[in-house]
Amino acid sequence: MAGLDNALAGVVTWIQANLMVDTVRIVRPATGDPVLNPDTGRLEYPEPALVYEGIGAVIAAGAPGGISSLPSAILPWAEETMSPARLLTPLTAPIPARDDLVTVVAVHNPANAALIGRSWFCQDPGRASTVEVVRITPMDMKQAPRTQGSTP
């Protein structure tokens, strides 16, 4: 389908120039056992592996904050919310794997820095399709831990 790929080349260029305008970092969590640091006496986990750092976009997907359990201060567990999003990266970027961590490290508009430092877990590998102009990876926002005794 080289003819179709050639026809879509302008779309790819437009999306990269106008939509994928932020800088994202994808890291793969280390899976090795912790190692004792003799200088500090502490166990240290291996550093995560850098998968990709470059242009990208994080797009909210659907309604925010679905709740998977009923919130209650008397329950022995905290409710979990879902904040789905989609990561857009160039087709030349490596394919993220499930559980890779995506962080926005720079935004195109310094006045709108709400994305900087937020992180998402990749829910699945980047999607694949016969016709592609951008890689789309489903994600869920990494939730901040609740403080002890907080209520929703």
Protein backbone atom coordinates (compact mmCIF):
# COMPACT_ATOMS: atom_id res chain seq x y z
CA MET A 1 0.00 0.00 0.00
CA ALA A 2 2.86 2.30 -0.77
CA GLY A 3 0.53 4.56 -2.78
CA LEU A 4 -1.70 5.10 0.25
CA ASP A 5 1.31 5.68 2.52
CA ASN A 6 2.56 8.32 0.08
CA ALA A 7 -0.87 9.96 -0.03
CA LEU A 8 -0.92 10.15 3.77
CA ALA A 9 2.59 11.62 4.09
CA GLY A 10 1.16 15.14 4.26
CA VAL A 11 -1.15 14.10 7.10
CA VAL A 12 1.82 12.69 9.02
CA THR A 13 3.73 15.95 8.58
CA TRP A 14 0.72 18.03 9.66
CA ILE A 15 0.07 15.92 12.80
CA GLN A 16 3.71 16.05 13.86
CA ALA A 17 3.91 19.82 13.34
CA ASN A 18 0.55 20.76 14.85
CA LEU A 19 -0.46 18.07 17.33
CA MET A 20 2.65 16.24 18.58
CA VAL A 21 4.17 19.42 19.97
CA ASP A 22 5.15 18.34 23.48
CA THR A 23 8.11 16.22 24.62
CA VAL A 24 7.33 12.84 26.17
CA ARG A 25 9.58 10.30 27.84
CA ILE A 26 8.81 6.59 27.91
CA VAL A 27 10.69 4.38 30.36
CA ARG A 28 10.47 0.67 31.01
CA PRO A 29 10.53 -0.19 34.72
CA ALA A 30 13.50 -2.30 35.76
CA THR A 31 12.69 -5.89 36.58
CA GLY A 32 15.90 -6.92 38.34
CA ASP A 33 16.34 -7.57 42.01
CA PRO A 34 17.58 -4.77 44.25
CA VAL A 35 21.31 -4.64 44.95
CA LEU A 36 22.91 -3.68 48.24
CA ASN A 37 24.82 -0.41 48.05
CA PRO A 38 27.72 -0.91 50.49
CA ASP A 39 28.25 2.86 50.84
CA THR A 40 24.71 3.58 52.04
CA GLY A 41 23.69 0.17 53.38
CA ARG A 42 20.46 0.42 51.39
CA LEU A 43 18.95 -1.74 48.70
CA GLU A 44 18.81 0.03 45.35
CA TYR A 45 16.67 -1.00 42.42
CA PRO A 46 18.08 -0.85 38.90
CA GLU A 47 17.27 2.29 36.92
CA PRO A 48 14.43 2.08 34.42
CA ALA A 49 15.42 1.79 30.75
CA LEU A 50 14.76 4.75 28.47
CA VAL A 51 12.55 3.59 25.59
CA TYR A 52 11.88 6.93 23.87
CA GLU A 53 12.17 10.65 24.44
CA GLY A 54 10.92 13.00 21.79
CA ILE A 55 7.86 14.58 20.22
CA GLY A 56 4.47 13.34 21.24
CA ALA A 57 1.03 14.27 22.50
CA VAL A 58 -1.19 13.14 25.36
CA ILE A 59 -4.88 13.29 24.51
CA ALA A 60 -7.63 12.68 27.09
CA ALA A 61 -9.78 9.73 26.08
CA GLY A 62 -13.42 9.82 27.08
CA ALA A 63 -15.00 11.05 30.28
CA PRO A 64 -12.62 11.65 33.19
CA GLY A 65 -12.48 9.72 36.40
CA GLY A 66 -14.52 6.56 36.20
CA ILE A 67 -14.64 4.92 39.63
CA SER A 68 -14.21 1.16 39.90
CA SER A 69 -15.52 0.90 43.49
CA LEU A 70 -17.82 2.92 45.68
CA PRO A 71 -15.93 5.52 47.74
CA SER A 72 -16.30 5.13 51.47
CA ALA A 73 -14.14 6.08 54.43
CA ILE A 74 -14.96 2.78 56.16
CA LEU A 75 -13.85 0.45 53.38
CA PRO A 76 -10.47 -1.28 53.86
CA TRP A 77 -9.31 -0.18 50.40
CA ALA A 78 -9.11 3.08 48.54
CA GLU A 79 -11.25 3.55 45.48
CA GLU A 80 -9.41 3.59 42.18
CA THR A 81 -10.25 6.07 39.50
CA MET A 82 -9.51 5.66 35.83
CA SER A 83 -8.18 8.58 33.82
CA PRO A 84 -7.79 7.17 30.31
CA ALA A 85 -5.65 8.91 27.74
CA ARG A 86 -3.97 8.20 24.43
CA LEU A 87 -0.30 8.74 23.67
CA LEU A 88 0.53 9.82 20.13
CA THR A 89 4.09 9.24 18.93
CA PRO A 90 5.67 9.06 15.47
CA LEU A 91 5.63 5.69 13.73
CA THR A 92 9.43 5.78 13.89
CA ALA A 93 9.38 5.78 17.71
CA PRO A 94 9.78 2.44 19.51
CA ILE A 95 6.56 0.64 20.42
CA PRO A 96 5.79 1.09 24.13
CA ALA A 97 5.08 -2.10 26.08
CA ARG A 98 2.39 -2.71 28.67
CA ASP A 99 3.28 -1.02 31.98
CA ASP A 100 5.85 1.34 30.44
CA LEU A 101 5.68 4.72 32.15
CA VAL A 102 5.05 7.85 30.07
CA THR A 103 5.89 11.30 31.44
CA VAL A 104 5.50 14.69 29.79
CA VAL A 105 8.83 16.47 30.22
CA ALA A 106 8.22 19.65 28.19
CA VAL A 107 5.19 21.41 26.75
CA HIS A 108 4.89 23.63 23.71
CA ASN A 109 3.25 26.44 25.68
CA PRO A 110 5.13 27.35 28.89
CA ALA A 111 2.02 29.15 30.18
CA ASN A 112 0.15 25.84 30.21
CA ALA A 113 2.40 23.57 32.26
CA ALA A 114 -0.34 21.32 33.74
CA LEU A 115 0.99 18.29 31.83
CA ILE A 116 4.60 18.58 32.98
CA GLY A 117 5.51 15.81 35.40
CA ARG A 118 2.26 13.87 35.04
CA SER A 119 2.71 10.17 34.35
CA TRP A 120 0.67 7.44 32.73
CA PHE A 121 1.00 3.66 32.53
CA CYS A 122 0.74 2.13 29.07
CA GLN A 123 -2.18 -0.28 29.15
CA ASP A 124 -1.21 -2.16 25.99
CA PRO A 125 1.51 -2.00 23.36
CA GLY A 126 1.08 0.74 20.79
CA ARG A 127 -1.75 -0.13 18.45
CA ALA A 128 -1.06 -1.34 14.94
CA SER A 129 -3.15 -0.95 11.82
CA THR A 130 -2.88 -1.44 8.07
CA VAL A 131 -3.18 2.31 7.60
CA GLU A 132 -1.30 4.42 10.14
CA VAL A 133 -0.20 8.03 10.33
CA VAL A 134 0.71 8.06 14.03
CA ARG A 135 1.26 5.47 16.75
CA ILE A 136 -1.56 5.45 19.32
CA THR A 137 -0.95 3.88 22.73
CA PRO A 138 -3.75 3.55 25.32
CA MET A 139 -2.77 4.74 28.80
CA ASP A 140 -4.15 5.30 32.28
CA MET A 141 -2.89 8.09 34.54
CA LYS A 142 -0.62 7.09 37.40
CA GLN A 143 -2.61 8.10 40.45
CA ALA A 144 -1.02 9.95 43.34
CA PRO A 145 -1.27 8.06 46.62
CA ARG A 146 -3.97 9.27 48.97
CA THR A 147 -2.91 10.68 52.30
CA GLN A 148 -3.90 8.73 55.42
CA GLY A 149 -7.43 9.49 56.58
CA SER A 150 -8.42 11.51 53.52
CA THR A 151 -11.92 11.27 52.18
CA PRO A 152 -12.99 11.61 48.58
